[in-house]
């Protein structure tokens, strides 16, 4: 080679990388204390970078469990913002605190004894009617749920509509933390969805048919045969099975209908 390769000094490389990281640090405030953390991190990862260890207030890390509810304010903005710590990325100068749980009484009941009437909800959660329609709950929802509308539907006795509106509720409790009427909205919504799913929603006919077919023993022999197949052969059967095409219609069926 006519041109010599320049050898990299590991010490110099480490210094450069450290400077690059340092250049990307941004200030944030966790429960009033200032920290500098790399930009682009979620609130949860930024807190861990700052030295916090999560024992509570951390669950799925995927925006589903609702365990990492967080409130924060940004410089120059008086509004209190809400987010899930595992989803929201940090911004320079933001002040934050986690609310992994907010006290809210949950009614005790035997679900099998409940009916599908709205009075069941009214009886278990009489504070429902303390709602003043201020809409603070909706503003506090990190899922973008129309919380006040769902509460209004419950007050009107429309359990189905309340269940539909609150379908994406993850039980974080941030709505309850901002409620002037001191309602436990997320517990009420959970009850509404349970009643709707078990006692109002029409039963699926195809599911009832399949359960009947299973109870009749149609698949007993097939399952018994599969239990005695060697692992390698079972893997081969699985890998070579006919898969449903991505663009298949509702009426699609495999060519081999033995297992239907």
C-alpha atoms as a PDB file:
ATOM      1  CA  UNK A   1       0.000   0.000   0.000  1.00  0.00           C
ATOM      2  CA  UNK A   2       1.328   3.441  -0.963  1.00  0.00           C
ATOM      3  CA  UNK A   3      -0.579   5.239   1.722  1.00  0.00           C
ATOM      4  CA  UNK A   4      -0.033   4.316   5.335  1.00  0.00           C
ATOM      5  CA  UNK A   5      -3.097   3.602   7.446  1.00  0.00           C
ATOM      6  CA  UNK A   6      -3.283   5.904  10.395  1.00  0.00           C
ATOM      7  CA  UNK A   7      -3.476   3.908  13.594  1.00  0.00           C
ATOM      8  CA  UNK A   8      -6.136   5.057  16.028  1.00  0.00           C
ATOM      9  CA  UNK A   9      -5.104   5.737  19.582  1.00  0.00           C
ATOM     10  CA  UNK A  10      -7.677   4.034  21.890  1.00  0.00           C
ATOM     11  CA  UNK A  11      -7.271   6.758  24.524  1.00  0.00           C
ATOM     12  CA  UNK A  12      -7.929   9.535  21.998  1.00  0.00           C
ATOM     13  CA  UNK A  13     -10.920   7.652  20.607  1.00  0.00           C
ATOM     14  CA  UNK A  14     -12.412   7.281  24.093  1.00  0.00           C
ATOM     15  CA  UNK A  15     -11.949  11.007  24.764  1.00  0.00           C
ATOM     16  CA  UNK A  16     -13.632  11.909  21.456  1.00  0.00           C
ATOM     17  CA  UNK A  17     -16.564   9.591  22.163  1.00  0.00           C
ATOM     18  CA  UNK A  18     -16.908  11.031  25.655  1.00  0.00           C
ATOM     19  CA  UNK A  19     -16.978  14.560  24.212  1.00  0.00           C
ATOM     20  CA  UNK A  20     -19.597  13.514  21.667  1.00  0.00           C
ATOM     21  CA  UNK A  21     -21.784  12.075  24.413  1.00  0.00           C
ATOM     22  CA  UNK A  22     -21.230  15.119  26.616  1.00  0.00           C
ATOM     23  CA  UNK A  23     -22.248  17.390  23.748  1.00  0.00           C
ATOM     24  CA  UNK A  24     -25.580  15.602  23.536  1.00  0.00           C
ATOM     25  CA  UNK A  25     -26.450  15.850  27.226  1.00  0.00           C
ATOM     26  CA  UNK A  26     -29.498  17.910  28.149  1.00  0.00           C
ATOM     27  CA  UNK A  27     -30.638  19.171  31.571  1.00  0.00           C
ATOM     28  CA  UNK A  28     -33.783  17.783  33.165  1.00  0.00           C
ATOM     29  CA  UNK A  29     -35.215  17.967  36.684  1.00  0.00           C
ATOM     30  CA  UNK A  30     -36.391  14.824  38.429  1.00  0.00           C
ATOM     31  CA  UNK A  31     -38.398  15.582  41.561  1.00  0.00           C
ATOM     32  CA  UNK A  32     -36.691  18.976  41.751  1.00  0.00           C
ATOM     33  CA  UNK A  33     -33.103  17.840  41.299  1.00  0.00           C
ATOM     34  CA  UNK A  34     -31.114  18.710  38.176  1.00  0.00           C
ATOM     35  CA  UNK A  35     -29.526  15.981  36.086  1.00  0.00           C
ATOM     36  CA  UNK A  36     -27.845  15.906  32.707  1.00  0.00           C
ATOM     37  CA  UNK A  37     -28.889  12.995  30.522  1.00  0.00           C
ATOM     38  CA  UNK A  38     -28.403  12.027  26.860  1.00  0.00           C
ATOM     39  CA  UNK A  39     -31.063  13.460  24.572  1.00  0.00           C
ATOM     40  CA  UNK A  40     -33.384  10.985  22.893  1.00  0.00           C
ATOM     41  CA  UNK A  41     -33.908   8.820  25.978  1.00  0.00           C
ATOM     42  CA  UNK A  42     -37.363   8.074  27.303  1.00  0.00           C
ATOM     43  CA  UNK A  43     -38.154   9.517  30.719  1.00  0.00           C
ATOM     44  CA  UNK A  44     -37.769   6.062  32.228  1.00  0.00           C
ATOM     45  CA  UNK A  45     -34.342   5.459  30.674  1.00  0.00           C
ATOM     46  CA  UNK A  46     -33.253   8.978  31.595  1.00  0.00           C
ATOM     47  CA  UNK A  47     -34.175   8.352  35.224  1.00  0.00           C
ATOM     48  CA  UNK A  48     -32.208   5.109  35.184  1.00  0.00           C
ATOM     49  CA  UNK A  49     -29.265   6.941  33.612  1.00  0.00           C
ATOM     50  CA  UNK A  50     -29.493   9.467  36.470  1.00  0.00           C
ATOM     51  CA  UNK A  51     -29.190   6.645  38.995  1.00  0.00           C
ATOM     52  CA  UNK A  52     -32.786   5.785  39.829  1.00  0.00           C
ATOM     53  CA  UNK A  53     -33.597   2.124  40.219  1.00  0.00           C
ATOM     54  CA  UNK A  54     -37.131   1.020  39.404  1.00  0.00           C
ATOM     55  CA  UNK A  55     -38.760  -1.396  41.841  1.00  0.00           C
ATOM     56  CA  UNK A  56     -42.270  -0.004  41.406  1.00  0.00           C
ATOM     57  CA  UNK A  57     -43.529   2.282  38.651  1.00  0.00           C
ATOM     58  CA  UNK A  58     -42.091   0.117  35.907  1.00  0.00           C
ATOM     59  CA  UNK A  59     -43.860  -2.758  34.178  1.00  0.00           C
ATOM     60  CA  UNK A  60     -44.106  -3.570  30.496  1.00  0.00           C
ATOM     61  CA  UNK A  61     -41.970  -0.677  29.165  1.00  0.00           C
ATOM     62  CA  UNK A  62     -44.243  -0.796  26.144  1.00  0.00           C
ATOM     63  CA  UNK A  63     -46.990   1.700  26.986  1.00  0.00           C
ATOM     64  CA  UNK A  64     -49.512  -0.960  27.966  1.00  0.00           C
ATOM     65  CA  UNK A  65     -49.471  -1.600  31.721  1.00  0.00           C
ATOM     66  CA  UNK A  66     -49.995   1.990  32.949  1.00  0.00           C
ATOM     67  CA  UNK A  67     -47.475   1.647  35.786  1.00  0.00           C
ATOM     68  CA  UNK A  68     -45.288   4.615  34.849  1.00  0.00           C
ATOM     69  CA  UNK A  69     -47.653   7.585  34.847  1.00  0.00           C
ATOM     70  CA  UNK A  70     -45.650  10.811  34.888  1.00  0.00           C
ATOM     71  CA  UNK A  71     -46.453  14.512  35.218  1.00  0.00           C
ATOM     72  CA  UNK A  72     -44.148  17.245  33.978  1.00  0.00           C
ATOM     73  CA  UNK A  73     -43.860  20.892  33.036  1.00  0.00           C
ATOM     74  CA  UNK A  74     -41.749  22.483  30.315  1.00  0.00           C
ATOM     75  CA  UNK A  75     -39.873  25.798  30.566  1.00  0.00           C
ATOM     76  CA  UNK A  76     -42.087  28.777  29.818  1.00  0.00           C
ATOM     77  CA  UNK A  77     -45.285  26.707  29.833  1.00  0.00           C
ATOM     78  CA  UNK A  78     -47.621  26.814  32.840  1.00  0.00           C
ATOM     79  CA  UNK A  79     -49.575  23.732  31.736  1.00  0.00           C
ATOM     80  CA  UNK A  80     -49.107  20.477  33.593  1.00  0.00           C
ATOM     81  CA  UNK A  81     -48.419  17.745  31.037  1.00  0.00           C
ATOM     82  CA  UNK A  82     -48.907  13.992  31.431  1.00  0.00           C
ATOM     83  CA  UNK A  83     -47.163  11.037  29.844  1.00  0.00           C
ATOM     84  CA  UNK A  84     -46.043   7.462  30.303  1.00  0.00           C
ATOM     85  CA  UNK A  85     -42.367   7.419  31.315  1.00  0.00           C
ATOM     86  CA  UNK A  86     -41.624   4.517  28.989  1.00  0.00           C
ATOM     87  CA  UNK A  87     -43.005   6.360  25.941  1.00  0.00           C
ATOM     88  CA  UNK A  88     -42.205  10.055  26.316  1.00  0.00           C
ATOM     89  CA  UNK A  89     -38.714  11.267  25.399  1.00  0.00           C
ATOM     90  CA  UNK A  90     -37.044  13.876  27.571  1.00  0.00           C
ATOM     91  CA  UNK A  91     -36.867  17.529  26.573  1.00  0.00           C
ATOM     92  CA  UNK A  92     -34.384  20.156  27.775  1.00  0.00           C
ATOM     93  CA  UNK A  93     -35.371  21.772  31.060  1.00  0.00           C
ATOM     94  CA  UNK A  94     -38.450  19.647  31.755  1.00  0.00           C
ATOM     95  CA  UNK A  95     -39.483  19.213  35.410  1.00  0.00           C
ATOM     96  CA  UNK A  96     -40.975  15.806  36.126  1.00  0.00           C
ATOM     97  CA  UNK A  97     -42.225  13.445  38.815  1.00  0.00           C
ATOM     98  CA  UNK A  98     -43.676   9.972  38.559  1.00  0.00           C
ATOM     99  CA  UNK A  99     -47.060   8.960  39.934  1.00  0.00           C
ATOM    100  CA  UNK A 100     -46.854   5.161  39.769  1.00  0.00           C
ATOM    101  CA  UNK A 101     -50.056   4.834  41.806  1.00  0.00           C
ATOM    102  CA  UNK A 102     -52.798   7.241  42.841  1.00  0.00           C
ATOM    103  CA  UNK A 103     -55.119   6.214  45.696  1.00  0.00           C
ATOM    104  CA  UNK A 104     -58.574   5.283  44.438  1.00  0.00           C
ATOM    105  CA  UNK A 105     -61.174   3.092  46.126  1.00  0.00           C
ATOM    106  CA  UNK A 106     -62.209   0.057  44.123  1.00  0.00           C
ATOM    107  CA  UNK A 107     -65.685  -1.307  44.827  1.00  0.00           C
ATOM    108  CA  UNK A 108     -65.911  -4.899  46.042  1.00  0.00           C
ATOM    109  CA  UNK A 109     -68.420  -7.102  44.241  1.00  0.00           C
ATOM    110  CA  UNK A 110     -69.167 -10.650  43.141  1.00  0.00           C
ATOM    111  CA  UNK A 111     -69.243 -10.263  39.391  1.00  0.00           C
ATOM    112  CA  UNK A 112     -71.431 -13.308  38.741  1.00  0.00           C
ATOM    113  CA  UNK A 113     -74.160 -11.715  40.871  1.00  0.00           C
ATOM    114  CA  UNK A 114     -74.260  -8.498  38.829  1.00  0.00           C
ATOM    115  CA  UNK A 115     -76.791  -7.778  36.091  1.00  0.00           C
ATOM    116  CA  UNK A 116     -76.383  -5.672  32.962  1.00  0.00           C
ATOM    117  CA  UNK A 117     -78.422  -2.744  34.306  1.00  0.00           C
ATOM    118  CA  UNK A 118     -76.833   0.704  34.849  1.00  0.00           C
ATOM    119  CA  UNK A 119     -78.032   0.615  38.453  1.00  0.00           C
ATOM    120  CA  UNK A 120     -75.243  -1.851  39.205  1.00  0.00           C
ATOM    121  CA  UNK A 121     -72.657   0.842  38.419  1.00  0.00           C
ATOM    122  CA  UNK A 122     -74.649   3.548  40.251  1.00  0.00           C
ATOM    123  CA  UNK A 123     -74.865   1.364  43.352  1.00  0.00           C
ATOM    124  CA  UNK A 124     -71.167   0.453  43.424  1.00  0.00           C
ATOM    125  CA  UNK A 125     -69.899   3.917  42.478  1.00  0.00           C
ATOM    126  CA  UNK A 126     -72.417   6.544  43.688  1.00  0.00           C
ATOM    127  CA  UNK A 127     -69.674   9.200  43.432  1.00  0.00           C
ATOM    128  CA  UNK A 128     -70.150   8.937  39.652  1.00  0.00           C
ATOM    129  CA  UNK A 129     -72.693  11.759  39.947  1.00  0.00           C
ATOM    130  CA  UNK A 130     -70.163  14.072  41.579  1.00  0.00           C
ATOM    131  CA  UNK A 131     -68.710  14.719  38.111  1.00  0.00           C
ATOM    132  CA  UNK A 132     -68.885  18.441  37.280  1.00  0.00           C
ATOM    133  CA  UNK A 133     -67.926  17.987  33.594  1.00  0.00           C
ATOM    134  CA  UNK A 134     -64.759  20.080  33.932  1.00  0.00           C
ATOM    135  CA  UNK A 135     -62.885  17.812  31.487  1.00  0.00           C
ATOM    136  CA  UNK A 136     -59.678  17.842  33.566  1.00  0.00           C
ATOM    137  CA  UNK A 137     -59.683  14.036  33.404  1.00  0.00           C
ATOM    138  CA  UNK A 138     -59.571  14.002  29.605  1.00  0.00           C
ATOM    139  CA  UNK A 139     -56.644  16.441  29.577  1.00  0.00           C
ATOM    140  CA  UNK A 140     -54.756  14.171  31.979  1.00  0.00           C
ATOM    141  CA  UNK A 141     -55.148  10.991  29.919  1.00  0.00           C
ATOM    142  CA  UNK A 142     -51.917   9.870  28.190  1.00  0.00           C
ATOM    143  CA  UNK A 143     -53.996   7.592  25.943  1.00  0.00           C
ATOM    144  CA  UNK A 144     -56.103  10.403  24.536  1.00  0.00           C
ATOM    145  CA  UNK A 145     -59.335   8.877  25.848  1.00  0.00           C
ATOM    146  CA  UNK A 146     -62.400  11.129  26.078  1.00  0.00           C
ATOM    147  CA  UNK A 147     -62.699  10.366  29.787  1.00  0.00           C
ATOM    148  CA  UNK A 148     -65.402  12.930  30.537  1.00  0.00           C
ATOM    149  CA  UNK A 149     -67.557  11.614  27.668  1.00  0.00           C
ATOM    150  CA  UNK A 150     -67.203   8.056  28.971  1.00  0.00           C
ATOM    151  CA  UNK A 151     -68.261   9.208  32.451  1.00  0.00           C
ATOM    152  CA  UNK A 152     -71.217  11.053  30.882  1.00  0.00           C
ATOM    153  CA  UNK A 153     -72.225   7.841  29.108  1.00  0.00           C
ATOM    154  CA  UNK A 154     -72.194   5.980  32.434  1.00  0.00           C
ATOM    155  CA  UNK A 155     -74.309   8.693  34.069  1.00  0.00           C
ATOM    156  CA  UNK A 156     -76.792   8.243  31.231  1.00  0.00           C
ATOM    157  CA  UNK A 157     -76.824   4.493  31.817  1.00  0.00           C
ATOM    158  CA  UNK A 158     -75.099   3.699  28.514  1.00  0.00           C
ATOM    159  CA  UNK A 159     -72.655   1.011  29.605  1.00  0.00           C
ATOM    160  CA  UNK A 160     -71.890  -0.054  26.021  1.00  0.00           C
ATOM    161  CA  UNK A 161     -70.814   3.458  25.022  1.00  0.00           C
ATOM    162  CA  UNK A 162     -68.705   3.864  28.165  1.00  0.00           C
ATOM    163  CA  UNK A 163     -66.997   0.544  27.432  1.00  0.00           C
ATOM    164  CA  UNK A 164     -66.317   1.615  23.840  1.00  0.00           C
ATOM    165  CA  UNK A 165     -64.918   5.012  24.760  1.00  0.00           C
ATOM    166  CA  UNK A 166     -62.684   3.624  27.531  1.00  0.00           C
ATOM    167  CA  UNK A 167     -61.435   0.606  25.582  1.00  0.00           C
ATOM    168  CA  UNK A 168     -57.818   1.874  25.516  1.00  0.00           C
ATOM    169  CA  UNK A 169     -57.688   2.658  29.253  1.00  0.00           C
ATOM    170  CA  UNK A 170     -54.505   1.292  30.848  1.00  0.00           C
ATOM    171  CA  UNK A 171     -55.481   2.011  34.479  1.00  0.00           C
ATOM    172  CA  UNK A 172     -52.681   4.534  35.062  1.00  0.00           C
ATOM    173  CA  UNK A 173     -54.904   6.636  37.356  1.00  0.00           C
ATOM    174  CA  UNK A 174     -53.771  10.041  36.081  1.00  0.00           C
ATOM    175  CA  UNK A 175     -57.401  11.010  35.390  1.00  0.00           C
ATOM    176  CA  UNK A 176     -58.233  10.365  39.043  1.00  0.00           C
ATOM    177  CA  UNK A 177     -55.309  12.515  40.169  1.00  0.00           C
ATOM    178  CA  UNK A 178     -56.842  15.561  38.448  1.00  0.00           C
ATOM    179  CA  UNK A 179     -60.534  14.973  39.182  1.00  0.00           C
ATOM    180  CA  UNK A 180     -62.375  17.759  41.062  1.00  0.00           C
ATOM    181  CA  UNK A 181     -65.188  15.349  41.899  1.00  0.00           C
ATOM    182  CA  UNK A 182     -62.705  12.800  43.265  1.00  0.00           C
ATOM    183  CA  UNK A 183     -63.962   9.981  41.032  1.00  0.00           C
ATOM    184  CA  UNK A 184     -62.068   6.750  40.400  1.00  0.00           C
ATOM    185  CA  UNK A 185     -62.789   6.820  36.680  1.00  0.00           C
ATOM    186  CA  UNK A 186     -60.572   3.939  35.678  1.00  0.00           C
ATOM    187  CA  UNK A 187     -62.218   1.544  38.153  1.00  0.00           C
ATOM    188  CA  UNK A 188     -65.649   2.560  36.855  1.00  0.00           C
ATOM    189  CA  UNK A 189     -64.533   1.966  33.287  1.00  0.00           C
ATOM    190  CA  UNK A 190     -63.158  -1.450  34.159  1.00  0.00           C
ATOM    191  CA  UNK A 191     -66.512  -2.434  35.629  1.00  0.00           C
ATOM    192  CA  UNK A 192     -68.334  -1.090  32.558  1.00  0.00           C
ATOM    193  CA  UNK A 193     -66.131  -3.104  30.193  1.00  0.00           C
ATOM    194  CA  UNK A 194     -66.596  -6.252  32.259  1.00  0.00           C
ATOM    195  CA  UNK A 195     -70.368  -5.913  32.309  1.00  0.00           C
ATOM    196  CA  UNK A 196     -70.447  -5.123  28.602  1.00  0.00           C
ATOM    197  CA  UNK A 197     -68.201  -8.020  27.610  1.00  0.00           C
ATOM    198  CA  UNK A 198     -69.896 -10.629  29.777  1.00  0.00           C
ATOM    199  CA  UNK A 199     -73.532  -9.565  29.893  1.00  0.00           C
ATOM    200  CA  UNK A 200     -74.354  -7.186  27.005  1.00  0.00           C
ATOM    201  CA  UNK A 201     -72.197  -8.004  24.003  1.00  0.00           C
ATOM    202  CA  UNK A 202     -73.927 -10.603  21.774  1.00  0.00           C
ATOM    203  CA  UNK A 203     -72.317 -14.024  21.835  1.00  0.00           C
ATOM    204  CA  UNK A 204     -70.339 -14.938  18.707  1.00  0.00           C
ATOM    205  CA  UNK A 205     -72.224 -17.654  16.825  1.00  0.00           C
ATOM    206  CA  UNK A 206     -69.095 -19.097  15.215  1.00  0.00           C
ATOM    207  CA  UNK A 207     -67.463 -19.418  18.641  1.00  0.00           C
ATOM    208  CA  UNK A 208     -70.454 -21.323  20.025  1.00  0.00           C
ATOM    209  CA  UNK A 209     -70.341 -23.630  16.997  1.00  0.00           C
ATOM    210  CA  UNK A 210     -66.633 -24.315  17.462  1.00  0.00           C
ATOM    211  CA  UNK A 211     -67.056 -25.041  21.178  1.00  0.00           C
ATOM    212  CA  UNK A 212     -69.829 -27.482  20.291  1.00  0.00           C
ATOM    213  CA  UNK A 213     -67.602 -29.164  17.727  1.00  0.00           C
ATOM    214  CA  UNK A 214     -64.774 -29.518  20.265  1.00  0.00           C
ATOM    215  CA  UNK A 215     -67.131 -30.937  22.903  1.00  0.00           C
ATOM    216  CA  UNK A 216     -68.399 -33.479  20.381  1.00  0.00           C
ATOM    217  CA  UNK A 217     -64.856 -34.878  20.151  1.00  0.00           C
ATOM    218  CA  UNK A 218     -64.182 -34.045  16.510  1.00  0.00           C
ATOM    219  CA  UNK A 219     -60.523 -33.216  17.170  1.00  0.00           C
ATOM    220  CA  UNK A 220     -59.746 -35.857  19.781  1.00  0.00           C
ATOM    221  CA  UNK A 221     -58.182 -38.347  17.369  1.00  0.00           C
ATOM    222  CA  UNK A 222     -56.155 -35.675  15.531  1.00  0.00           C
ATOM    223  CA  UNK A 223     -54.757 -34.298  18.803  1.00  0.00           C
ATOM    224  CA  UNK A 224     -53.956 -37.781  20.042  1.00  0.00           C
ATOM    225  CA  UNK A 225     -52.013 -38.485  16.851  1.00  0.00           C
ATOM    226  CA  UNK A 226     -50.056 -35.236  17.150  1.00  0.00           C
ATOM    227  CA  UNK A 227     -49.108 -36.083  20.746  1.00  0.00           C
ATOM    228  CA  UNK A 228     -47.243 -39.138  19.487  1.00  0.00           C
ATOM    229  CA  UNK A 229     -45.384 -37.394  16.651  1.00  0.00           C
ATOM    230  CA  UNK A 230     -41.660 -36.857  17.192  1.00  0.00           C
ATOM    231  CA  UNK A 231     -40.478 -33.294  17.725  1.00  0.00           C
ATOM    232  CA  UNK A 232     -38.636 -33.006  14.391  1.00  0.00           C
ATOM    233  CA  UNK A 233     -41.663 -34.227  12.476  1.00  0.00           C
ATOM    234  CA  UNK A 234     -43.931 -31.885  14.429  1.00  0.00           C
ATOM    235  CA  UNK A 235     -41.702 -28.929  13.520  1.00  0.00           C
ATOM    236  CA  UNK A 236     -41.784 -29.983   9.875  1.00  0.00           C
ATOM    237  CA  UNK A 237     -45.579 -30.185   9.913  1.00  0.00           C
ATOM    238  CA  UNK A 238     -45.756 -26.722  11.433  1.00  0.00           C
ATOM    239  CA  UNK A 239     -43.276 -25.146   9.009  1.00  0.00           C
ATOM    240  CA  UNK A 240     -44.957 -26.718   5.961  1.00  0.00           C
ATOM    241  CA  UNK A 241     -48.493 -25.869   7.008  1.00  0.00           C
ATOM    242  CA  UNK A 242     -50.621 -23.769   4.670  1.00  0.00           C
ATOM    243  CA  UNK A 243     -50.602 -20.212   5.970  1.00  0.00           C
ATOM    244  CA  UNK A 244     -53.360 -17.701   5.465  1.00  0.00           C
ATOM    245  CA  UNK A 245     -52.323 -15.115   2.834  1.00  0.00           C
ATOM    246  CA  UNK A 246     -51.935 -11.526   4.028  1.00  0.00           C
ATOM    247  CA  UNK A 247     -54.666 -10.325   1.679  1.00  0.00           C
ATOM    248  CA  UNK A 248     -57.051 -13.206   2.347  1.00  0.00           C
ATOM    249  CA  UNK A 249     -60.755 -12.442   2.548  1.00  0.00           C
ATOM    250  CA  UNK A 250     -63.172 -13.332   5.341  1.00  0.00           C
ATOM    251  CA  UNK A 251     -64.190 -16.544   3.539  1.00  0.00           C
ATOM    252  CA  UNK A 252     -60.647 -17.939   3.141  1.00  0.00           C
ATOM    253  CA  UNK A 253     -60.150 -21.610   3.990  1.00  0.00           C
ATOM    254  CA  UNK A 254     -57.087 -23.866   3.647  1.00  0.00           C
ATOM    255  CA  UNK A 255     -57.130 -26.613   1.028  1.00  0.00           C
ATOM    256  CA  UNK A 256     -56.749 -29.211   3.772  1.00  0.00           C
ATOM    257  CA  UNK A 257     -59.911 -28.825   5.827  1.00  0.00           C
ATOM    258  CA  UNK A 258     -59.379 -31.788   8.164  1.00  0.00           C
ATOM    259  CA  UNK A 259     -58.595 -29.493  11.069  1.00  0.00           C
ATOM    260  CA  UNK A 260     -61.525 -27.124  10.582  1.00  0.00           C
END
